[in-house]
């Protein structure tokens, strides 16, 4: 069984003798989100996870572009 991480808060209602969890699952990539049959639209509009996943994806794309450029420049220097 795969463990899931959650982000949120636990609220204790003493008078009602109840406890509730308010939160959402925590993912570190959009691919992980999709692998769990979820999409960005499944989260609240103000959930910071949505912004974080966009930033991570953007950084992954920029890193891939930089690696490609470095490879191209290295080939040009050799040639």
PDB file of N, CA and C in Angstrom:
ATOM      1  N   UNK A   1       0.839  -1.182   0.000  1.00  0.00           N
ATOM      2  CA  UNK A   1       0.000   0.000   0.000  1.00  0.00           C
ATOM      3  C   UNK A   1       0.883   1.243   0.000  1.00  0.00           C
ATOM      4  N   UNK A   2       0.619   2.136  -0.905  1.00  0.00           N
ATOM      5  CA  UNK A   2       1.385   3.370  -1.009  1.00  0.00           C
ATOM      6  C   UNK A   2       0.876   4.394   0.002  1.00  0.00           C
ATOM      7  N   UNK A   3       1.814   5.046   0.670  1.00  0.00           N
ATOM      8  CA  UNK A   3       1.438   6.059   1.658  1.00  0.00           C
ATOM      9  C   UNK A   3       1.122   7.375   0.962  1.00  0.00           C
ATOM     10  N   UNK A   4       0.145   8.088   1.473  1.00  0.00           N
ATOM     11  CA  UNK A   4      -0.251   9.390   0.936  1.00  0.00           C
ATOM     12  C   UNK A   4       0.061  10.461   1.975  1.00  0.00           C
ATOM     13  N   UNK A   5       0.473  11.623   1.485  1.00  0.00           N
ATOM     14  CA  UNK A   5       0.714  12.758   2.374  1.00  0.00           C
ATOM     15  C   UNK A   5      -0.423  13.760   2.200  1.00  0.00           C
ATOM     16  N   UNK A   6      -0.761  14.417   3.292  1.00  0.00           N
ATOM     17  CA  UNK A   6      -1.818  15.420   3.280  1.00  0.00           C
ATOM     18  C   UNK A   6      -1.316  16.699   3.921  1.00  0.00           C
ATOM     19  N   UNK A   7      -1.892  17.803   3.492  1.00  0.00           N
ATOM     20  CA  UNK A   7      -1.601  19.104   4.070  1.00  0.00           C
ATOM     21  C   UNK A   7      -2.915  19.705   4.536  1.00  0.00           C
ATOM     22  N   UNK A   8      -2.924  20.225   5.762  1.00  0.00           N
ATOM     23  CA  UNK A   8      -4.167  20.799   6.256  1.00  0.00           C
ATOM     24  C   UNK A   8      -4.102  21.051   7.744  1.00  0.00           C
ATOM     25  N   UNK A   9      -5.244  21.050   8.362  1.00  0.00           N
ATOM     26  CA  UNK A   9      -5.337  21.318   9.802  1.00  0.00           C
ATOM     27  C   UNK A   9      -6.410  20.436  10.424  1.00  0.00           C
ATOM     28  N   UNK A  10      -6.168  20.093  11.679  1.00  0.00           N
ATOM     29  CA  UNK A  10      -7.158  19.326  12.440  1.00  0.00           C
ATOM     30  C   UNK A  10      -7.881  20.303  13.364  1.00  0.00           C
ATOM     31  N   UNK A  11      -9.169  20.239  13.358  1.00  0.00           N
ATOM     32  CA  UNK A  11      -9.996  21.126  14.190  1.00  0.00           C
ATOM     33  C   UNK A  11     -10.742  20.265  15.209  1.00  0.00           C
ATOM     34  N   UNK A  12     -10.611  20.647  16.469  1.00  0.00           N
ATOM     35  CA  UNK A  12     -11.287  19.923  17.545  1.00  0.00           C
ATOM     36  C   UNK A  12     -12.491  20.742  17.999  1.00  0.00           C
ATOM     37  N   UNK A  13     -13.654  20.091  17.992  1.00  0.00           N
ATOM     38  CA  UNK A  13     -14.893  20.718  18.457  1.00  0.00           C
ATOM     39  C   UNK A  13     -15.234  20.081  19.811  1.00  0.00           C
ATOM     40  N   UNK A  14     -14.822  20.729  20.862  1.00  0.00           N
ATOM     41  CA  UNK A  14     -14.956  20.156  22.211  1.00  0.00           C
ATOM     42  C   UNK A  14     -16.420  19.951  22.610  1.00  0.00           C
ATOM     43  N   UNK A  15     -17.242  20.956  22.350  1.00  0.00           N
ATOM     44  CA  UNK A  15     -18.643  20.861  22.754  1.00  0.00           C
ATOM     45  C   UNK A  15     -19.334  19.673  22.082  1.00  0.00           C
ATOM     46  N   UNK A  16     -19.040  19.466  20.804  1.00  0.00           N
ATOM     47  CA  UNK A  16     -19.661  18.372  20.050  1.00  0.00           C
ATOM     48  C   UNK A  16     -18.902  17.065  20.202  1.00  0.00           C
ATOM     49  N   UNK A  17     -17.739  17.113  20.859  1.00  0.00           N
ATOM     50  CA  UNK A  17     -16.868  15.950  21.006  1.00  0.00           C
ATOM     51  C   UNK A  17     -16.548  15.320  19.645  1.00  0.00           C
ATOM     52  N   UNK A  18     -16.113  16.194  18.756  1.00  0.00           N
ATOM     53  CA  UNK A  18     -15.798  15.753  17.396  1.00  0.00           C
ATOM     54  C   UNK A  18     -14.470  16.368  16.950  1.00  0.00           C
ATOM     55  N   UNK A  19     -13.843  15.690  16.031  1.00  0.00           N
ATOM     56  CA  UNK A  19     -12.608  16.163  15.425  1.00  0.00           C
ATOM     57  C   UNK A  19     -12.755  16.062  13.916  1.00  0.00           C
ATOM     58  N   UNK A  20     -12.297  17.102  13.217  1.00  0.00           N
ATOM     59  CA  UNK A  20     -12.371  17.103  11.750  1.00  0.00           C
ATOM     60  C   UNK A  20     -11.015  17.483  11.166  1.00  0.00           C
ATOM     61  N   UNK A  21     -10.738  16.936   9.996  1.00  0.00           N
ATOM     62  CA  UNK A  21      -9.536  17.299   9.247  1.00  0.00           C
ATOM     63  C   UNK A  21      -9.965  18.107   8.037  1.00  0.00           C
ATOM     64  N   UNK A  22      -9.356  19.271   7.849  1.00  0.00           N
ATOM     65  CA  UNK A  22      -9.625  20.120   6.688  1.00  0.00           C
ATOM     66  C   UNK A  22      -8.317  20.227   5.911  1.00  0.00           C
ATOM     67  N   UNK A  23      -8.297  19.660   4.736  1.00  0.00           N
ATOM     68  CA  UNK A  23      -7.062  19.699   3.967  1.00  0.00           C
ATOM     69  C   UNK A  23      -7.198  19.004   2.634  1.00  0.00           C
ATOM     70  N   UNK A  24      -6.060  18.720   2.047  1.00  0.00           N
ATOM     71  CA  UNK A  24      -6.037  18.081   0.738  1.00  0.00           C
ATOM     72  C   UNK A  24      -4.785  17.220   0.626  1.00  0.00           C
ATOM     73  N   UNK A  25      -4.767  16.294  -0.330  1.00  0.00           N
ATOM     74  CA  UNK A  25      -3.563  15.480  -0.535  1.00  0.00           C
ATOM     75  C   UNK A  25      -2.415  16.361  -1.019  1.00  0.00           C
ATOM     76  N   UNK A  26      -1.201  15.941  -0.718  1.00  0.00           N
ATOM     77  CA  UNK A  26      -0.017  16.705  -1.101  1.00  0.00           C
ATOM     78  C   UNK A  26       0.764  15.924  -2.151  1.00  0.00           C
ATOM     79  N   UNK A  27       1.058  16.574  -3.279  1.00  0.00           N
ATOM     80  CA  UNK A  27       1.814  15.951  -4.364  1.00  0.00           C
ATOM     81  C   UNK A  27       3.023  16.800  -4.690  1.00  0.00           C
ATOM     82  N   UNK A  28       4.060  16.165  -5.225  1.00  0.00           N
ATOM     83  CA  UNK A  28       5.270  16.904  -5.572  1.00  0.00           C
ATOM     84  C   UNK A  28       5.472  17.041  -7.080  1.00  0.00           C
ATOM     85  N   UNK A  29       4.520  16.545  -7.859  1.00  0.00           N
ATOM     86  CA  UNK A  29       4.590  16.734  -9.315  1.00  0.00           C
ATOM     87  C   UNK A  29       3.198  16.571  -9.925  1.00  0.00           C
ATOM     88  N   UNK A  30       3.030  17.155 -11.096  1.00  0.00           N
ATOM     89  CA  UNK A  30       1.761  17.028 -11.805  1.00  0.00           C
ATOM     90  C   UNK A  30       1.562  15.573 -12.229  1.00  0.00           C
ATOM     91  N   UNK A  31       2.653  14.890 -12.569  1.00  0.00           N
ATOM     92  CA  UNK A  31       2.565  13.474 -12.954  1.00  0.00           C
ATOM     93  C   UNK A  31       2.030  12.620 -11.798  1.00  0.00           C
ATOM     94  N   UNK A  32       2.463  12.931 -10.593  1.00  0.00           N
ATOM     95  CA  UNK A  32       1.981  12.209  -9.415  1.00  0.00           C
ATOM     96  C   UNK A  32       0.487  12.466  -9.203  1.00  0.00           C
ATOM     97  N   UNK A  33       0.074  13.689  -9.456  1.00  0.00           N
ATOM     98  CA  UNK A  33      -1.342  14.061  -9.346  1.00  0.00           C
ATOM     99  C   UNK A  33      -2.173  13.251 -10.339  1.00  0.00           C
ATOM    100  N   UNK A  34      -1.711  13.194 -11.584  1.00  0.00           N
ATOM    101  CA  UNK A  34      -2.415  12.460 -12.639  1.00  0.00           C
ATOM    102  C   UNK A  34      -2.430  10.964 -12.340  1.00  0.00           C
ATOM    103  N   UNK A  35      -1.336  10.436 -11.795  1.00  0.00           N
ATOM    104  CA  UNK A  35      -1.254   9.011 -11.454  1.00  0.00           C
ATOM    105  C   UNK A  35      -2.288   8.625 -10.394  1.00  0.00           C
ATOM    106  N   UNK A  36      -2.769   9.610  -9.636  1.00  0.00           N
ATOM    107  CA  UNK A  36      -3.791   9.370  -8.616  1.00  0.00           C
ATOM    108  C   UNK A  36      -5.181   9.760  -9.103  1.00  0.00           C
ATOM    109  N   UNK A  37      -5.344   9.843 -10.423  1.00  0.00           N
ATOM    110  CA  UNK A  37      -6.629  10.163 -11.061  1.00  0.00           C
ATOM    111  C   UNK A  37      -7.221  11.487 -10.586  1.00  0.00           C
ATOM    112  N   UNK A  38      -6.349  12.487 -10.397  1.00  0.00           N
ATOM    113  CA  UNK A  38      -6.795  13.824 -10.013  1.00  0.00           C
ATOM    114  C   UNK A  38      -6.304  14.831 -11.037  1.00  0.00           C
ATOM    115  N   UNK A  39      -6.907  15.995 -11.021  1.00  0.00           N
ATOM    116  CA  UNK A  39      -6.456  17.087 -11.878  1.00  0.00           C
ATOM    117  C   UNK A  39      -6.447  18.362 -11.052  1.00  0.00           C
ATOM    118  N   UNK A  40      -5.868  19.403 -11.608  1.00  0.00           N
ATOM    119  CA  UNK A  40      -5.782  20.697 -10.924  1.00  0.00           C
ATOM    120  C   UNK A  40      -7.175  21.182 -10.525  1.00  0.00           C
ATOM    121  N   UNK A  41      -8.164  20.908 -11.357  1.00  0.00           N
ATOM    122  CA  UNK A  41      -9.525  21.387 -11.074  1.00  0.00           C
ATOM    123  C   UNK A  41     -10.166  20.693  -9.863  1.00  0.00           C
ATOM    124  N   UNK A  42      -9.546  19.612  -9.365  1.00  0.00           N
ATOM    125  CA  UNK A  42     -10.063  18.937  -8.174  1.00  0.00           C
ATOM    126  C   UNK A  42      -9.701  19.671  -6.884  1.00  0.00           C
ATOM    127  N   UNK A  43      -8.877  20.692  -6.981  1.00  0.00           N
ATOM    128  CA  UNK A  43      -8.426  21.425  -5.806  1.00  0.00           C
ATOM    129  C   UNK A  43      -9.093  22.799  -5.737  1.00  0.00           C
ATOM    130  N   UNK A  44      -9.157  23.319  -4.528  1.00  0.00           N
ATOM    131  CA  UNK A  44      -9.733  24.652  -4.326  1.00  0.00           C
ATOM    132  C   UNK A  44      -8.904  25.680  -5.086  1.00  0.00           C
ATOM    133  N   UNK A  45      -9.553  26.707  -5.637  1.00  0.00           N
ATOM    134  CA  UNK A  45      -8.819  27.714  -6.421  1.00  0.00           C
ATOM    135  C   UNK A  45      -7.674  28.381  -5.648  1.00  0.00           C
ATOM    136  N   UNK A  46      -7.810  28.504  -4.347  1.00  0.00           N
ATOM    137  CA  UNK A  46      -6.770  29.172  -3.557  1.00  0.00           C
ATOM    138  C   UNK A  46      -5.785  28.206  -2.902  1.00  0.00           C
ATOM    139  N   UNK A  47      -5.861  26.927  -3.249  1.00  0.00           N
ATOM    140  CA  UNK A  47      -4.943  25.940  -2.686  1.00  0.00           C
ATOM    141  C   UNK A  47      -3.526  26.235  -3.195  1.00  0.00           C
ATOM    142  N   UNK A  48      -2.560  26.454  -2.305  1.00  0.00           N
ATOM    143  CA  UNK A  48      -1.199  26.780  -2.750  1.00  0.00           C
ATOM    144  C   UNK A  48      -0.522  25.639  -3.509  1.00  0.00           C
ATOM    145  N   UNK A  49      -1.022  24.418  -3.365  1.00  0.00           N
ATOM    146  CA  UNK A  49      -0.435  23.284  -4.074  1.00  0.00           C
ATOM    147  C   UNK A  49      -0.508  23.490  -5.584  1.00  0.00           C
ATOM    148  N   UNK A  50      -1.592  24.074  -6.063  1.00  0.00           N
ATOM    149  CA  UNK A  50      -1.759  24.309  -7.498  1.00  0.00           C
ATOM    150  C   UNK A  50      -0.628  25.204  -8.009  1.00  0.00           C
ATOM    151  N   UNK A  51      -0.364  26.306  -7.299  1.00  0.00           N
ATOM    152  CA  UNK A  51       0.718  27.204  -7.701  1.00  0.00           C
ATOM    153  C   UNK A  51       2.070  26.513  -7.625  1.00  0.00           C
ATOM    154  N   UNK A  52       2.289  25.742  -6.568  1.00  0.00           N
ATOM    155  CA  UNK A  52       3.556  25.042  -6.399  1.00  0.00           C
ATOM    156  C   UNK A  52       3.796  24.046  -7.535  1.00  0.00           C
ATOM    157  N   UNK A  53       2.763  23.289  -7.902  1.00  0.00           N
ATOM    158  CA  UNK A  53       2.920  22.315  -8.993  1.00  0.00           C
ATOM    159  C   UNK A  53       3.228  22.997 -10.318  1.00  0.00           C
ATOM    160  N   UNK A  54       2.610  24.155 -10.561  1.00  0.00           N
ATOM    161  CA  UNK A  54       2.922  24.913 -11.779  1.00  0.00           C
ATOM    162  C   UNK A  54       4.372  25.391 -11.764  1.00  0.00           C
ATOM    163  N   UNK A  55       4.843  25.863 -10.625  1.00  0.00           N
ATOM    164  CA  UNK A  55       6.234  26.315 -10.525  1.00  0.00           C
ATOM    165  C   UNK A  55       7.210  25.166 -10.730  1.00  0.00           C
ATOM    166  N   UNK A  56       6.917  24.020 -10.125  1.00  0.00           N
ATOM    167  CA  UNK A  56       7.797  22.859 -10.286  1.00  0.00           C
ATOM    168  C   UNK A  56       7.845  22.422 -11.744  1.00  0.00           C
ATOM    169  N   UNK A  57       6.692  22.362 -12.398  1.00  0.00           N
ATOM    170  CA  UNK A  57       6.649  21.947 -13.807  1.00  0.00           C
ATOM    171  C   UNK A  57       7.418  22.927 -14.675  1.00  0.00           C
ATOM    172  N   UNK A  58       7.241  24.224 -14.400  1.00  0.00           N
ATOM    173  CA  UNK A  58       7.950  25.245 -15.164  1.00  0.00           C
ATOM    174  C   UNK A  58       9.461  25.098 -14.984  1.00  0.00           C
ATOM    175  N   UNK A  59       9.908  24.842 -13.755  1.00  0.00           N
ATOM    176  CA  UNK A  59      11.326  24.651 -13.503  1.00  0.00           C
ATOM    177  C   UNK A  59      11.850  23.410 -14.219  1.00  0.00           C
ATOM    178  N   UNK A  60      11.068  22.342 -14.258  1.00  0.00           N
ATOM    179  CA  UNK A  60      11.478  21.133 -14.979  1.00  0.00           C
ATOM    180  C   UNK A  60      11.660  21.425 -16.466  1.00  0.00           C
ATOM    181  N   UNK A  61      10.736  22.196 -17.045  1.00  0.00           N
ATOM    182  CA  UNK A  61      10.824  22.540 -18.472  1.00  0.00           C
ATOM    183  C   UNK A  61      12.039  23.427 -18.757  1.00  0.00           C
ATOM    184  N   UNK A  62      12.285  24.394 -17.895  1.00  0.00           N
ATOM    185  CA  UNK A  62      13.435  25.292 -18.077  1.00  0.00           C
ATOM    186  C   UNK A  62      14.737  24.500 -17.950  1.00  0.00           C
ATOM    187  N   UNK A  63      14.803  23.603 -16.985  1.00  0.00           N
ATOM    188  CA  UNK A  63      15.998  22.775 -16.802  1.00  0.00           C
ATOM    189  C   UNK A  63      16.259  21.916 -18.035  1.00  0.00           C
ATOM    190  N   UNK A  64      15.209  21.330 -18.594  1.00  0.00           N
ATOM    191  CA  UNK A  64      15.364  20.512 -19.807  1.00  0.00           C
ATOM    192  C   UNK A  64      15.856  21.372 -20.968  1.00  0.00           C
ATOM    193  N   UNK A  65      15.312  22.580 -21.110  1.00  0.00           N
ATOM    194  CA  UNK A  65      15.758  23.486 -22.175  1.00  0.00           C
ATOM    195  C   UNK A  65      17.224  23.866 -21.995  1.00  0.00           C
ATOM    196  N   UNK A  66      17.629  24.150 -20.758  1.00  0.00           N
ATOM    197  CA  UNK A  66      19.021  24.513 -20.505  1.00  0.00           C
ATOM    198  C   UNK A  66      19.963  23.361 -20.808  1.00  0.00           C
ATOM    199  N   UNK A  67      19.585  22.151 -20.447  1.00  0.00           N
ATOM    200  CA  UNK A  67      20.420  20.982 -20.753  1.00  0.00           C
ATOM    201  C   UNK A  67      20.588  20.822 -22.263  1.00  0.00           C
ATOM    202  N   UNK A  68      19.501  21.049 -22.997  1.00  0.00           N
ATOM    203  CA  UNK A  68      19.563  20.952 -24.459  1.00  0.00           C
ATOM    204  C   UNK A  68      20.486  22.029 -25.031  1.00  0.00           C
ATOM    205  N   UNK A  69      20.377  23.249 -24.507  1.00  0.00           N
ATOM    206  CA  UNK A  69      21.248  24.333 -24.978  1.00  0.00           C
ATOM    207  C   UNK A  69      22.712  24.061 -24.661  1.00  0.00           C
ATOM    208  N   UNK A  70      22.985  23.549 -23.482  1.00  0.00           N
ATOM    209  CA  UNK A  70      24.360  23.215 -23.104  1.00  0.00           C
ATOM    210  C   UNK A  70      24.910  22.142 -24.035  1.00  0.00           C
ATOM    211  N   UNK A  71      24.084  21.147 -24.349  1.00  0.00           N
ATOM    212  CA  UNK A  71      24.504  20.112 -25.291  1.00  0.00           C
ATOM    213  C   UNK A  71      24.818  20.683 -26.666  1.00  0.00           C
ATOM    214  N   UNK A  72      23.978  21.597 -27.137  1.00  0.00           N
ATOM    215  CA  UNK A  72      24.186  22.230 -28.443  1.00  0.00           C
ATOM    216  C   UNK A  72      25.471  23.053 -28.453  1.00  0.00           C
ATOM    217  N   UNK A  73      25.697  23.825 -27.393  1.00  0.00           N
ATOM    218  CA  UNK A  73      26.895  24.660 -27.319  1.00  0.00           C
ATOM    219  C   UNK A  73      28.143  23.774 -27.243  1.00  0.00           C
ATOM    220  N   UNK A  74      28.066  22.681 -26.496  1.00  0.00           N
ATOM    221  CA  UNK A  74      29.213  21.769 -26.401  1.00  0.00           C
ATOM    222  C   UNK A  74      29.546  21.176 -27.753  1.00  0.00           C
ATOM    223  N   UNK A  75      28.525  20.807 -28.528  1.00  0.00           N
ATOM    224  CA  UNK A  75      28.761  20.271 -29.870  1.00  0.00           C
ATOM    225  C   UNK A  75      29.373  21.321 -30.783  1.00  0.00           C
ATOM    226  N   UNK A  76      28.906  22.569 -30.655  1.00  0.00           N
ATOM    227  CA  UNK A  76      29.443  23.657 -31.491  1.00  0.00           C
ATOM    228  C   UNK A  76      30.902  23.931 -31.169  1.00  0.00           C
ATOM    229  N   UNK A  77      31.267  23.839 -29.906  1.00  0.00           N
ATOM    230  CA  UNK A  77      32.673  24.070 -29.514  1.00  0.00           C
ATOM    231  C   UNK A  77      33.575  22.979 -30.049  1.00  0.00           C
ATOM    232  N   UNK A  78      33.077  21.735 -30.074  1.00  0.00           N
ATOM    233  CA  UNK A  78      33.875  20.614 -30.561  1.00  0.00           C
ATOM    234  C   UNK A  78      34.025  20.673 -32.075  1.00  0.00           C
ATOM    235  N   UNK A  79      33.001  21.185 -32.755  1.00  0.00           N
ATOM    236  CA  UNK A  79      32.963  21.168 -34.213  1.00  0.00           C
ATOM    237  C   UNK A  79      33.675  22.287 -34.796  1.00  0.00           C
TER     238      UNK A  79
END
